[in-house]
């Protein structure tokens, strides 16, 4: 209801000369002001960033991941804004995430297509895959159709260790891209110079991390051997001597066996003694070569 015109107020005050009439007029005027509808601001989707994304782990949410350059996202945007106006009536929070400004969240929520819509209820995430009209969104929440969708596993949830790592990688890639733009556009370095700097930074970072890992490993798992018990080295020398003695005895036994084998093999042939050899030589010398031929 619009405010009363100034002429109407002036005429009413002129007629209300007595105190009772004036009091009655004030009461009626106050009631009219209270019953006048207030034109409030329409609800808008809440913007989720890396700094406040943990808010969606409490309560019920519908989150849209979009990009300004995406045609399908542009087509969905007015529908999503109309759906956000029903958030208070449905008792849910309507939000959106611009992945061009929040690349870490796109990695944390494993966004592979645009637009992607998630339903979240007290930390349980489900991917909305229905029609994308306002009535379908309202029916999805009002009729609790999200209960028919299997929630994401905990190790793929945005707060898991795996998704935290993926989010960090996405943020690092964006930081590298920004540094590359700064070096080439602001400082005027050639592209190859920027690549060389990044390569050196990666090498030195790897060396530093390797050194830290070696120090931690050496501190946690010391390579120093404990002191041996008393008499350890004496017992060790005695064992080594006994082992050497055993080897010598085995070698002597093998040599004796070889000698016996050779004697057995040569047992059928008489050995020619030195005296017999000398007599045979003298006999052949006196007989001469002709005698030898006859004997032959």
Protein backbone atom coordinates (compact mmCIF):
# COMPACT_ATOMS: atom_id res chain seq x y z
CA UNK A 1 0.00 0.00 0.00
CA UNK A 2 1.39 3.42 -0.96
CA UNK A 3 1.88 6.27 1.50
CA UNK A 4 -1.09 8.63 2.03
CA UNK A 5 -0.99 11.88 -0.02
CA UNK A 6 -0.08 15.08 1.81
CA UNK A 7 -3.49 16.68 1.11
CA UNK A 8 -5.33 13.77 2.72
CA UNK A 9 -3.16 14.03 5.82
CA UNK A 10 -3.68 17.78 6.04
CA UNK A 11 -7.47 17.42 5.72
CA UNK A 12 -7.57 14.69 8.33
CA UNK A 13 -5.54 16.75 10.79
CA UNK A 14 -7.82 19.76 10.22
CA UNK A 15 -10.93 17.75 11.09
CA UNK A 16 -9.32 16.03 14.10
CA UNK A 17 -9.51 19.04 16.44
CA UNK A 18 -10.27 17.10 19.59
CA UNK A 19 -7.80 14.86 21.41
CA UNK A 20 -9.84 11.63 21.01
CA UNK A 21 -10.14 12.15 17.29
CA UNK A 22 -6.42 12.88 16.99
CA UNK A 23 -5.52 9.77 18.99
CA UNK A 24 -7.77 7.60 16.84
CA UNK A 25 -6.23 9.04 13.70
CA UNK A 26 -2.69 8.26 14.91
CA UNK A 27 -3.64 4.66 15.68
CA UNK A 28 -5.18 4.13 12.24
CA UNK A 29 -2.20 5.75 10.55
CA UNK A 30 0.25 3.50 12.44
CA UNK A 31 -1.71 0.39 11.45
CA UNK A 32 -1.68 1.45 7.81
CA UNK A 33 2.08 2.01 7.90
CA UNK A 34 2.68 -1.39 9.49
CA UNK A 35 0.50 -3.18 6.95
CA UNK A 36 2.25 -1.54 4.00
CA UNK A 37 4.29 -4.15 2.11
CA UNK A 38 8.03 -3.67 2.18
CA UNK A 39 9.83 -4.15 -1.12
CA UNK A 40 12.94 -6.10 -0.11
CA UNK A 41 15.91 -7.16 -2.18
CA UNK A 42 15.55 -10.47 -3.98
CA UNK A 43 17.72 -13.34 -2.80
CA UNK A 44 20.79 -13.93 -4.93
CA UNK A 45 22.99 -17.03 -5.16
CA UNK A 46 25.82 -16.91 -2.68
CA UNK A 47 29.31 -16.87 -4.14
CA UNK A 48 31.58 -19.64 -2.84
CA UNK A 49 35.35 -19.13 -2.76
CA UNK A 50 38.41 -20.92 -1.42
CA UNK A 51 38.06 -19.00 1.82
CA UNK A 52 34.43 -19.85 2.64
CA UNK A 53 33.75 -23.16 0.87
CA UNK A 54 33.64 -25.07 4.18
CA UNK A 55 30.31 -23.38 4.95
CA UNK A 56 28.57 -25.77 2.56
CA UNK A 57 29.49 -28.70 4.82
CA UNK A 58 26.70 -27.60 7.19
CA UNK A 59 23.03 -27.53 6.20
CA UNK A 60 21.49 -28.09 2.77
CA UNK A 61 22.94 -26.51 -0.36
CA UNK A 62 22.57 -26.43 -4.12
CA UNK A 63 25.82 -25.30 -5.79
CA UNK A 64 26.36 -24.45 -9.45
CA UNK A 65 29.84 -24.51 -11.01
CA UNK A 66 30.00 -22.28 -14.07
CA UNK A 67 32.29 -20.22 -16.27
CA UNK A 68 31.45 -16.86 -17.88
CA UNK A 69 32.52 -18.08 -21.33
CA UNK A 70 30.31 -21.22 -21.21
CA UNK A 71 27.16 -20.89 -23.43
CA UNK A 72 25.20 -23.46 -21.40
CA UNK A 73 26.10 -21.60 -18.20
CA UNK A 74 24.84 -18.33 -19.66
CA UNK A 75 21.57 -20.00 -20.57
CA UNK A 76 21.17 -21.47 -17.08
CA UNK A 77 22.06 -18.29 -15.18
CA UNK A 78 18.61 -16.57 -15.19
CA UNK A 79 16.93 -19.85 -14.21
CA UNK A 80 19.39 -20.29 -11.36
CA UNK A 81 18.75 -16.73 -10.16
CA UNK A 82 14.99 -17.38 -10.11
CA UNK A 83 15.56 -20.62 -8.23
CA UNK A 84 17.68 -18.73 -5.67
CA UNK A 85 14.65 -16.54 -4.82
CA UNK A 86 12.96 -19.65 -3.41
CA UNK A 87 15.87 -20.53 -1.15
CA UNK A 88 14.35 -19.06 2.00
CA UNK A 89 10.98 -20.71 1.37
CA UNK A 90 12.60 -24.10 0.80
CA UNK A 91 15.00 -23.70 3.71
CA UNK A 92 18.13 -24.28 1.61
CA UNK A 93 21.12 -22.24 0.47
CA UNK A 94 21.65 -21.55 -3.23
CA UNK A 95 25.25 -20.87 -4.28
CA UNK A 96 27.46 -20.65 -7.33
CA UNK A 97 31.18 -20.97 -8.08
CA UNK A 98 33.03 -19.24 -10.91
CA UNK A 99 35.79 -21.72 -11.77
CA UNK A 100 37.78 -19.07 -13.65
CA UNK A 101 38.25 -17.21 -10.38
CA UNK A 102 38.29 -20.28 -8.12
CA UNK A 103 40.26 -22.97 -9.98
CA UNK A 104 41.12 -24.70 -6.72
CA UNK A 105 37.44 -25.47 -6.12
CA UNK A 106 37.05 -26.95 -9.59
CA UNK A 107 39.80 -29.42 -8.72
CA UNK A 108 38.48 -30.03 -5.21
CA UNK A 109 35.02 -30.94 -6.57
CA UNK A 110 36.35 -32.78 -9.66
CA UNK A 111 34.42 -30.59 -12.09
CA UNK A 112 34.81 -32.08 -15.58
CA UNK A 113 31.87 -30.46 -17.39
CA UNK A 114 29.99 -27.17 -17.25
CA UNK A 115 27.66 -26.35 -15.75
CA UNK A 116 27.93 -28.86 -12.89
CA UNK A 117 25.39 -28.80 -10.06
CA UNK A 118 25.91 -30.41 -6.67
CA UNK A 119 23.44 -31.04 -3.87
CA UNK A 120 24.97 -31.08 -0.41
CA UNK A 121 23.25 -32.18 2.78
CA UNK A 122 25.36 -32.02 5.96
CA UNK A 123 28.58 -32.84 4.14
CA UNK A 124 27.15 -35.50 1.78
CA UNK A 125 27.53 -34.52 -1.87
CA UNK A 126 25.40 -35.71 -4.77
CA UNK A 127 25.61 -34.74 -8.43
CA UNK A 128 22.38 -33.31 -9.84
CA UNK A 129 21.74 -34.80 -13.27
CA UNK A 130 18.11 -33.84 -13.90
CA UNK A 131 16.41 -31.25 -16.08
CA UNK A 132 17.58 -27.69 -15.54
CA UNK A 133 14.41 -25.69 -15.10
CA UNK A 134 13.16 -23.84 -12.06
CA UNK A 135 10.27 -26.27 -11.52
CA UNK A 136 12.62 -29.26 -11.70
CA UNK A 137 14.95 -27.67 -9.15
CA UNK A 138 12.02 -26.91 -6.84
CA UNK A 139 10.65 -30.44 -7.16
CA UNK A 140 14.10 -31.92 -6.55
CA UNK A 141 14.28 -30.16 -3.18
CA UNK A 142 10.61 -30.15 -2.16
CA UNK A 143 10.04 -33.83 -2.95
CA UNK A 144 13.51 -34.82 -1.67
CA UNK A 145 14.43 -36.58 -4.87
CA UNK A 146 18.07 -36.24 -3.87
CA UNK A 147 17.56 -39.19 -1.52
CA UNK A 148 17.40 -41.47 -4.57
CA UNK A 149 20.93 -40.48 -5.65
CA UNK A 150 23.92 -42.28 -4.20
CA UNK A 151 26.25 -39.84 -2.40
CA UNK A 152 29.89 -39.49 -3.33
CA UNK A 153 32.37 -41.73 -1.50
CA UNK A 154 34.28 -40.15 1.36
CA UNK A 155 37.69 -40.43 -0.33
CA UNK A 156 36.34 -38.38 -3.27
CA UNK A 157 34.72 -35.78 -1.03
CA UNK A 158 36.00 -32.19 -1.23
CA UNK A 159 37.46 -32.37 2.29
CA UNK A 160 39.41 -35.61 1.71
CA UNK A 161 43.21 -35.76 1.55
CA UNK A 162 43.13 -36.68 -2.15
CA UNK A 163 40.95 -33.76 -3.20
CA UNK A 164 42.98 -31.37 -1.04
CA UNK A 165 46.05 -32.41 -3.01
CA UNK A 166 44.30 -31.96 -6.35
CA UNK A 167 43.08 -28.54 -5.27
CA UNK A 168 46.63 -27.54 -4.35
CA UNK A 169 47.88 -28.65 -7.78
CA UNK A 170 45.20 -26.56 -9.51
CA UNK A 171 46.09 -23.49 -7.46
CA UNK A 172 49.78 -24.03 -8.18
CA UNK A 173 49.13 -24.21 -11.93
CA UNK A 174 47.23 -20.92 -11.81
CA UNK A 175 50.04 -19.30 -9.81
CA UNK A 176 52.62 -20.47 -12.35
CA UNK A 177 50.51 -19.05 -15.17
CA UNK A 178 50.23 -15.71 -13.37
CA UNK A 179 53.98 -15.57 -12.75
CA UNK A 180 54.63 -16.40 -16.39
CA UNK A 181 52.36 -13.55 -17.48
CA UNK A 182 54.08 -11.18 -15.04
CA UNK A 183 57.57 -12.10 -16.26
CA UNK A 184 56.72 -11.84 -19.95
CA UNK A 185 54.30 -8.90 -19.93
CA UNK A 186 55.43 -6.74 -17.03
CA UNK A 187 59.18 -7.41 -16.97
CA UNK A 188 59.53 -8.00 -20.71
CA UNK A 189 61.35 -11.35 -20.48
CA UNK A 190 61.10 -13.66 -23.50
CA UNK A 191 59.03 -16.79 -23.12
CA UNK A 192 62.10 -19.06 -23.18
CA UNK A 193 63.64 -17.01 -20.36
CA UNK A 194 60.55 -17.58 -18.24
CA UNK A 195 60.73 -21.31 -18.95
CA UNK A 196 64.41 -21.40 -17.94
CA UNK A 197 63.62 -19.68 -14.64
CA UNK A 198 60.82 -22.13 -13.90
CA UNK A 199 63.10 -25.07 -14.76
CA UNK A 200 65.81 -23.84 -12.40
CA UNK A 201 63.22 -23.23 -9.70
CA UNK A 202 61.93 -26.80 -10.08
CA UNK A 203 65.48 -28.23 -9.91
CA UNK A 204 66.45 -26.28 -6.80
CA UNK A 205 63.14 -27.09 -5.16
CA UNK A 206 63.65 -30.79 -5.86
CA UNK A 207 67.19 -30.69 -4.46
CA UNK A 208 66.01 -28.89 -1.34
CA UNK A 209 63.17 -31.34 -0.78
CA UNK A 210 65.54 -34.28 -1.35
CA UNK A 211 68.02 -32.89 1.17
CA UNK A 212 65.27 -32.38 3.73
CA UNK A 213 64.03 -35.93 3.13
CA UNK A 214 67.54 -37.36 3.62
CA UNK A 215 68.00 -35.42 6.86
CA UNK A 216 64.64 -36.59 8.19
CA UNK A 217 65.35 -40.20 7.20
CA UNK A 218 68.81 -40.14 8.75
CA UNK A 219 67.41 -38.64 11.93
CA UNK A 220 64.51 -41.08 12.16
CA UNK A 221 66.41 -44.21 11.04
CA UNK A 222 69.99 -43.82 12.20
CA UNK A 223 72.54 -45.93 10.24
CA UNK A 224 74.98 -46.24 13.19
CA UNK A 225 75.30 -49.84 14.32
CA UNK A 226 74.94 -50.64 18.01
CA UNK A 227 78.05 -51.64 19.96
CA UNK A 228 78.68 -55.42 19.92
CA UNK A 229 78.50 -57.40 23.18
CA UNK A 230 81.72 -58.14 25.12
CA UNK A 231 83.90 -60.87 23.59
CA UNK A 232 82.18 -60.64 20.21
CA UNK A 233 85.36 -60.09 18.20
CA UNK A 234 87.27 -62.87 20.05
CA UNK A 235 84.55 -65.39 19.30
CA UNK A 236 84.51 -64.23 15.72
CA UNK A 237 88.30 -64.79 15.33
CA UNK A 238 88.02 -68.26 16.88
CA UNK A 239 85.26 -69.17 14.46
CA UNK A 240 87.32 -67.93 11.52
CA UNK A 241 90.34 -69.99 12.64
CA UNK A 242 88.22 -73.09 13.06
CA UNK A 243 86.80 -72.55 9.59
CA UNK A 244 90.29 -72.21 8.06
CA UNK A 245 91.49 -75.34 9.88
CA UNK A 246 88.53 -77.26 8.54
CA UNK A 247 89.31 -76.10 4.99
CA UNK A 248 92.96 -77.21 5.32
CA UNK A 249 91.94 -80.64 6.60
CA UNK A 250 89.51 -81.09 3.75
CA UNK A 251 92.19 -80.11 1.25
CA UNK A 252 94.68 -82.63 2.72
CA UNK A 253 92.09 -85.39 2.54
CA UNK A 254 91.41 -84.59 -1.10
CA UNK A 255 95.13 -84.69 -1.93
CA UNK A 256 95.56 -88.07 -0.21
CA UNK A 257 92.62 -89.49 -2.11
CA UNK A 258 94.08 -88.27 -5.41
CA UNK A 259 97.47 -89.89 -4.61
CA UNK A 260 95.83 -93.21 -3.77
CA UNK A 261 93.88 -93.09 -7.02
CA UNK A 262 97.01 -92.47 -9.06
CA UNK A 263 98.84 -95.36 -7.37
CA UNK A 264 95.96 -97.72 -8.09
CA UNK A 265 95.93 -96.72 -11.76
CA UNK A 266 99.73 -97.25 -12.10
CA UNK A 267 99.77 -100.56 -10.13
CA UNK A 268 99.88 -102.92 -13.25
CA UNK A 269 103.05 -101.34 -14.81
CA UNK A 270 106.43 -102.10 -13.15
CA UNK A 271 108.45 -99.07 -12.38
CA UNK A 272 111.94 -98.85 -13.99
CA UNK A 273 114.54 -98.35 -11.30
CA UNK A 274 117.72 -96.29 -11.81
CA UNK A 275 120.03 -99.35 -11.63
CA UNK A 276 118.08 -101.24 -14.29
CA UNK A 277 118.12 -98.19 -16.52
CA UNK A 278 121.92 -97.88 -16.30
CA UNK A 279 122.48 -101.61 -17.09
CA UNK A 280 120.18 -101.43 -20.10
CA UNK A 281 122.08 -98.41 -21.44
CA UNK A 282 125.49 -100.15 -21.11
CA UNK A 283 124.24 -103.30 -22.80
CA UNK A 284 122.95 -101.37 -25.81
CA UNK A 285 126.20 -99.44 -26.11
CA UNK A 286 128.40 -102.60 -26.31
CA UNK A 287 126.13 -104.44 -28.68
CA UNK A 288 126.18 -101.67 -31.27
CA UNK A 289 123.56 -100.61 -33.74
CA UNK A 290 123.64 -103.78 -35.81
CA UNK A 291 122.85 -105.96 -32.84
CA UNK A 292 119.95 -103.82 -31.99
CA UNK A 293 118.56 -104.28 -35.50
CA UNK A 294 118.87 -108.04 -35.20
CA UNK A 295 117.16 -108.03 -31.88
CA UNK A 296 114.47 -105.98 -33.46
